[in-house]
Amino acid sequence: MVIRDGGNSGGSGGMTKGQGEPESLVFVVDDDASVRQALTSLLQSIGLQVESFGSAADFLKKGRIANGIAAACLILDVRLPGVSGLDFQAELAKADTHLPIIFISGYGDIPMTVRAMKAGAVEFLTKPFTDSTLLRAIRQALERSRAALLQAIDLQDLRDRYASLSLRERQVMALVVSGLLNKQVGGELGISEITVKAHRGRVMQKMKAGSLAELVEMAGRLRLDRAQQQS
């Protein structure tokens, strides 16, 4: 099966040998061994790590999607034995696995492409395609993965800071970000305004918030409602 046409200009879509980040990982799921080998050779030639599988089931047996540190993406054939590529995309989404996907297919049609892209695919490539076309898509997918990874690290750090708060500090934070003044917070909790100020100061310090607006933004990112923050 031809996956790359003869018109490749030799470009690599901005990724040339030595420029691929060694820690970046590309998964390939295709039931055609020749396709897996061709893709593996191409991607390894520019310094990317590659792991290939013949089916979605084989991929899941791996036991991990990525190590949580390296940027990663998935090159996925639409037609696979067992679970199809599109159905596997839906399964990954339900499992909250945000792995950027590049679909490849020898017979893609418009409805199929629309479904894949609406579900978050980075690209839908119809065989044959050039090296540069594929590598551009991979670069985009890895950039998306890297951005999501940085956001996840930042969010986990924010969650850790919130977890360091005492129950009373969480209660104060909940009322403060809801717009109540210190005196009103004290009335709600049955404590003095001075005590509220002390708790509020510790909240700001532990959360590393430079202003009330920043604390409100943090509460929004944590997606905590008032009931959750008081428990």
Protein backbone atom coordinates (compact mmCIF):
# COMPACT_ATOMS: atom_id res chain seq x y z
CA MET A 1 0.00 0.00 0.00
CA VAL A 2 1.39 3.38 -1.00
CA ILE A 3 1.14 5.95 1.77
CA ARG A 4 3.42 8.59 0.32
CA ASP A 5 3.23 9.89 -3.22
CA GLY A 6 6.22 10.36 -5.45
CA GLY A 7 5.87 14.11 -5.46
CA ASN A 8 7.54 14.62 -2.10
CA SER A 9 9.84 17.59 -2.44
CA GLY A 10 12.08 16.37 0.35
CA GLY A 11 10.65 18.90 2.80
CA SER A 12 9.76 17.75 6.27
CA GLY A 13 7.15 20.29 7.25
CA GLY A 14 9.57 22.13 9.53
CA MET A 15 10.89 18.96 11.18
CA THR A 16 14.26 17.80 9.90
CA LYS A 17 16.67 15.31 11.33
CA GLY A 18 18.08 16.69 14.53
CA GLN A 19 15.14 18.99 15.10
CA GLY A 20 12.70 16.38 16.34
CA GLU A 21 12.61 16.39 20.10
CA PRO A 22 13.94 13.03 21.40
CA GLU A 23 11.35 12.95 24.17
CA SER A 24 8.43 13.38 21.78
CA LEU A 25 6.50 10.18 21.17
CA VAL A 26 4.36 9.18 18.20
CA PHE A 27 2.03 6.18 18.37
CA VAL A 28 1.07 4.50 15.11
CA VAL A 29 -1.99 2.24 14.91
CA ASP A 30 -2.48 0.61 11.50
CA ASP A 31 -3.24 -2.99 10.58
CA ASP A 32 -0.89 -2.86 7.58
CA ALA A 33 2.63 -3.87 8.69
CA SER A 34 4.23 -2.16 5.68
CA VAL A 35 2.56 1.12 6.58
CA ARG A 36 3.68 0.82 10.19
CA GLN A 37 7.24 0.15 9.08
CA ALA A 38 7.30 3.04 6.60
CA LEU A 39 5.95 5.50 9.16
CA THR A 40 8.29 4.23 11.86
CA SER A 41 11.35 4.63 9.61
CA LEU A 42 10.33 8.14 8.55
CA LEU A 43 9.67 9.39 12.07
CA GLN A 44 12.71 7.79 13.64
CA SER A 45 14.86 9.42 10.96
CA ILE A 46 14.04 12.85 12.42
CA GLY A 47 14.59 11.81 16.03
CA LEU A 48 11.08 10.97 17.15
CA GLN A 49 10.30 7.97 19.32
CA VAL A 50 7.76 5.67 17.69
CA GLU A 51 5.63 2.81 18.99
CA SER A 52 3.44 0.98 16.49
CA PHE A 53 0.47 -1.36 16.89
CA GLY A 54 -1.70 -3.41 14.56
CA SER A 55 -5.01 -2.68 16.28
CA ALA A 56 -6.69 -0.52 18.89
CA ALA A 57 -6.76 -3.52 21.22
CA ASP A 58 -2.98 -3.94 20.94
CA PHE A 59 -2.53 -0.27 21.69
CA LEU A 60 -4.65 -0.51 24.84
CA LYS A 61 -2.68 -3.56 26.03
CA LYS A 62 0.28 -1.23 26.32
CA GLY A 63 -1.18 -0.12 29.65
CA ARG A 64 -0.29 3.55 29.25
CA ILE A 65 -0.94 6.26 26.72
CA ALA A 66 2.10 8.40 27.49
CA ASN A 67 4.38 9.04 30.40
CA GLY A 68 2.77 12.34 31.32
CA ILE A 69 5.99 14.20 30.56
CA ALA A 70 6.69 13.85 26.84
CA ALA A 71 4.57 15.39 24.12
CA ALA A 72 2.76 12.62 22.25
CA CYS A 73 0.32 12.08 19.40
CA LEU A 74 -1.42 9.22 17.63
CA ILE A 75 -1.44 8.36 13.93
CA LEU A 76 -4.58 6.28 13.54
CA ASP A 77 -5.92 4.36 10.56
CA VAL A 78 -9.66 4.69 10.08
CA ARG A 79 -10.25 1.07 9.12
CA LEU A 80 -8.93 -1.32 11.77
CA PRO A 81 -9.77 -4.88 12.84
CA GLY A 82 -12.27 -4.83 15.69
CA VAL A 83 -12.86 -1.26 16.84
CA SER A 84 -12.66 1.24 13.99
CA GLY A 85 -10.42 4.29 14.20
CA LEU A 86 -13.38 6.65 14.60
CA ASP A 87 -14.95 4.53 17.35
CA PHE A 88 -11.56 4.29 19.08
CA GLN A 89 -11.30 8.08 18.97
CA ALA A 90 -14.65 8.24 20.79
CA GLU A 91 -13.46 5.70 23.38
CA LEU A 92 -10.32 7.71 24.10
CA ALA A 93 -12.41 10.86 24.53
CA LYS A 94 -14.73 9.11 27.00
CA ALA A 95 -11.68 7.98 28.97
CA ASP A 96 -10.59 11.64 29.13
CA THR A 97 -7.44 10.79 27.18
CA HIS A 98 -6.53 13.95 25.34
CA LEU A 99 -4.10 12.47 22.83
CA PRO A 100 -3.98 14.49 19.58
CA ILE A 101 -4.97 12.24 16.68
CA ILE A 102 -3.98 12.30 13.02
CA PHE A 103 -6.21 10.03 10.94
CA ILE A 104 -4.93 8.32 7.81
CA SER A 105 -7.18 6.53 5.34
CA GLY A 106 -7.19 5.11 1.85
CA TYR A 107 -10.85 5.83 1.30
CA GLY A 108 -11.84 8.84 3.41
CA ASP A 109 -15.06 10.65 2.54
CA ILE A 110 -16.48 13.99 3.66
CA PRO A 111 -18.83 12.68 6.40
CA MET A 112 -16.00 10.61 7.86
CA THR A 113 -13.62 13.55 7.80
CA VAL A 114 -16.19 15.88 9.36
CA ARG A 115 -16.88 13.38 12.16
CA ALA A 116 -13.19 12.99 12.93
CA MET A 117 -12.46 16.72 12.91
CA LYS A 118 -15.52 17.62 14.99
CA ALA A 119 -14.33 15.08 17.57
CA GLY A 120 -11.01 16.92 17.82
CA ALA A 121 -8.70 15.26 15.28
CA VAL A 122 -5.70 17.35 14.27
CA GLU A 123 -5.81 16.22 10.64
CA PHE A 124 -7.43 13.67 8.31
CA LEU A 125 -5.02 12.54 5.60
CA THR A 126 -6.04 10.46 2.61
CA LYS A 127 -3.41 8.12 1.15
CA PRO A 128 -1.20 8.77 -0.70
CA PHE A 129 0.25 11.79 1.10
CA THR A 130 3.69 13.37 1.14
CA ASP A 131 6.19 13.21 3.97
CA SER A 132 5.96 16.97 4.41
CA THR A 133 2.16 16.86 4.74
CA LEU A 134 2.35 14.20 7.41
CA LEU A 135 5.19 15.88 9.28
CA ARG A 136 3.36 19.21 9.35
CA ALA A 137 0.40 17.46 10.93
CA ILE A 138 2.64 15.71 13.45
CA ARG A 139 4.34 18.97 14.36
CA GLN A 140 0.93 20.56 14.95
CA ALA A 141 -0.23 17.58 17.02
CA LEU A 142 2.89 17.61 19.19
CA GLU A 143 2.56 21.35 19.74
CA ARG A 144 -1.03 20.80 20.86
CA SER A 145 0.09 17.99 23.15
CA ARG A 146 2.88 20.10 24.62
CA ALA A 147 0.51 22.99 25.34
CA ALA A 148 -2.00 20.65 26.98
CA LEU A 149 0.76 19.09 29.05
CA LEU A 150 1.92 22.47 30.33
CA GLN A 151 -1.67 23.37 31.20
CA ALA A 152 -2.10 20.08 33.05
CA ILE A 153 1.08 20.66 35.06
CA ASP A 154 -0.03 24.18 35.92
CA LEU A 155 -3.50 22.98 36.93
CA GLN A 156 -2.06 20.21 39.12
CA ASP A 157 0.13 22.77 40.86
CA LEU A 158 -2.97 24.89 41.48
CA ARG A 159 -4.84 21.87 42.85
CA ASP A 160 -1.93 21.08 45.16
CA ARG A 161 -2.01 24.63 46.51
CA TYR A 162 -5.76 24.40 47.08
CA ALA A 163 -5.32 21.04 48.84
CA SER A 164 -2.94 22.72 51.29
CA LEU A 165 -5.73 24.95 52.59
CA SER A 166 -7.45 24.09 55.85
CA LEU A 167 -11.22 23.61 55.90
CA ARG A 168 -11.71 27.08 57.40
CA GLU A 169 -9.44 28.62 54.77
CA ARG A 170 -11.48 26.94 52.03
CA GLN A 171 -14.66 28.30 53.59
CA VAL A 172 -13.22 31.81 53.67
CA MET A 173 -11.96 31.49 50.11
CA ALA A 174 -15.39 30.36 48.90
CA LEU A 175 -17.13 33.36 50.44
CA VAL A 176 -14.47 35.86 49.43
CA VAL A 177 -14.47 34.84 45.75
CA SER A 178 -18.27 34.96 45.78
CA GLY A 179 -17.99 38.69 46.45
CA LEU A 180 -18.61 38.99 50.18
CA LEU A 181 -16.74 41.55 52.28
CA ASN A 182 -14.68 40.45 55.28
CA LYS A 183 -17.42 41.52 57.69
CA GLN A 184 -20.02 39.55 55.74
CA VAL A 185 -17.76 36.50 55.63
CA GLY A 186 -17.38 36.73 59.40
CA GLY A 187 -21.14 36.87 59.78
CA GLU A 188 -21.60 33.80 57.62
CA LEU A 189 -19.00 31.78 59.52
CA GLY A 190 -19.60 33.18 63.01
CA ILE A 191 -16.06 34.52 63.39
CA SER A 192 -14.62 38.01 63.83
CA GLU A 193 -13.58 40.24 60.95
CA ILE A 194 -10.00 40.18 62.25
CA THR A 195 -10.00 36.37 62.11
CA VAL A 196 -11.38 36.51 58.57
CA LYS A 197 -8.54 38.82 57.55
CA ALA A 198 -6.01 36.41 59.02
CA HIS A 199 -7.51 33.43 57.17
CA ARG A 200 -7.78 35.46 53.98
CA GLY A 201 -4.13 36.43 54.20
CA ARG A 202 -3.09 32.78 54.55
CA VAL A 203 -5.32 31.83 51.63
CA MET A 204 -3.69 34.45 49.42
CA GLN A 205 -0.25 33.29 50.52
CA LYS A 206 -0.85 29.56 50.06
CA MET A 207 -2.61 30.04 46.72
CA LYS A 208 0.12 32.48 45.60
CA ALA A 209 -2.54 34.94 44.52
CA GLY A 210 -1.39 38.51 44.04
CA SER A 211 -4.88 39.98 44.08
CA LEU A 212 -8.52 39.13 44.70
CA ALA A 213 -9.12 39.04 40.96
CA GLU A 214 -6.39 36.44 40.61
CA LEU A 215 -7.90 34.35 43.41
CA VAL A 216 -11.30 34.48 41.70
CA GLU A 217 -9.66 33.35 38.45
CA MET A 218 -8.01 30.44 40.30
CA ALA A 219 -11.34 29.35 41.76
CA GLY A 220 -12.78 29.40 38.25
CA ARG A 221 -9.96 27.26 36.87
CA LEU A 222 -10.46 24.77 39.67
CA ARG A 223 -14.16 24.68 38.75
CA LEU A 224 -15.16 24.59 42.37
CA ASP A 225 -18.61 25.72 43.35
CA ARG A 226 -19.36 27.22 46.74
CA ALA A 227 -20.52 23.91 48.23
CA GLN A 228 -17.34 22.11 47.15
CA GLN A 229 -15.11 24.80 48.57
CA GLN A 230 -16.78 24.57 51.97
CA SER A 231 -16.36 20.79 52.27
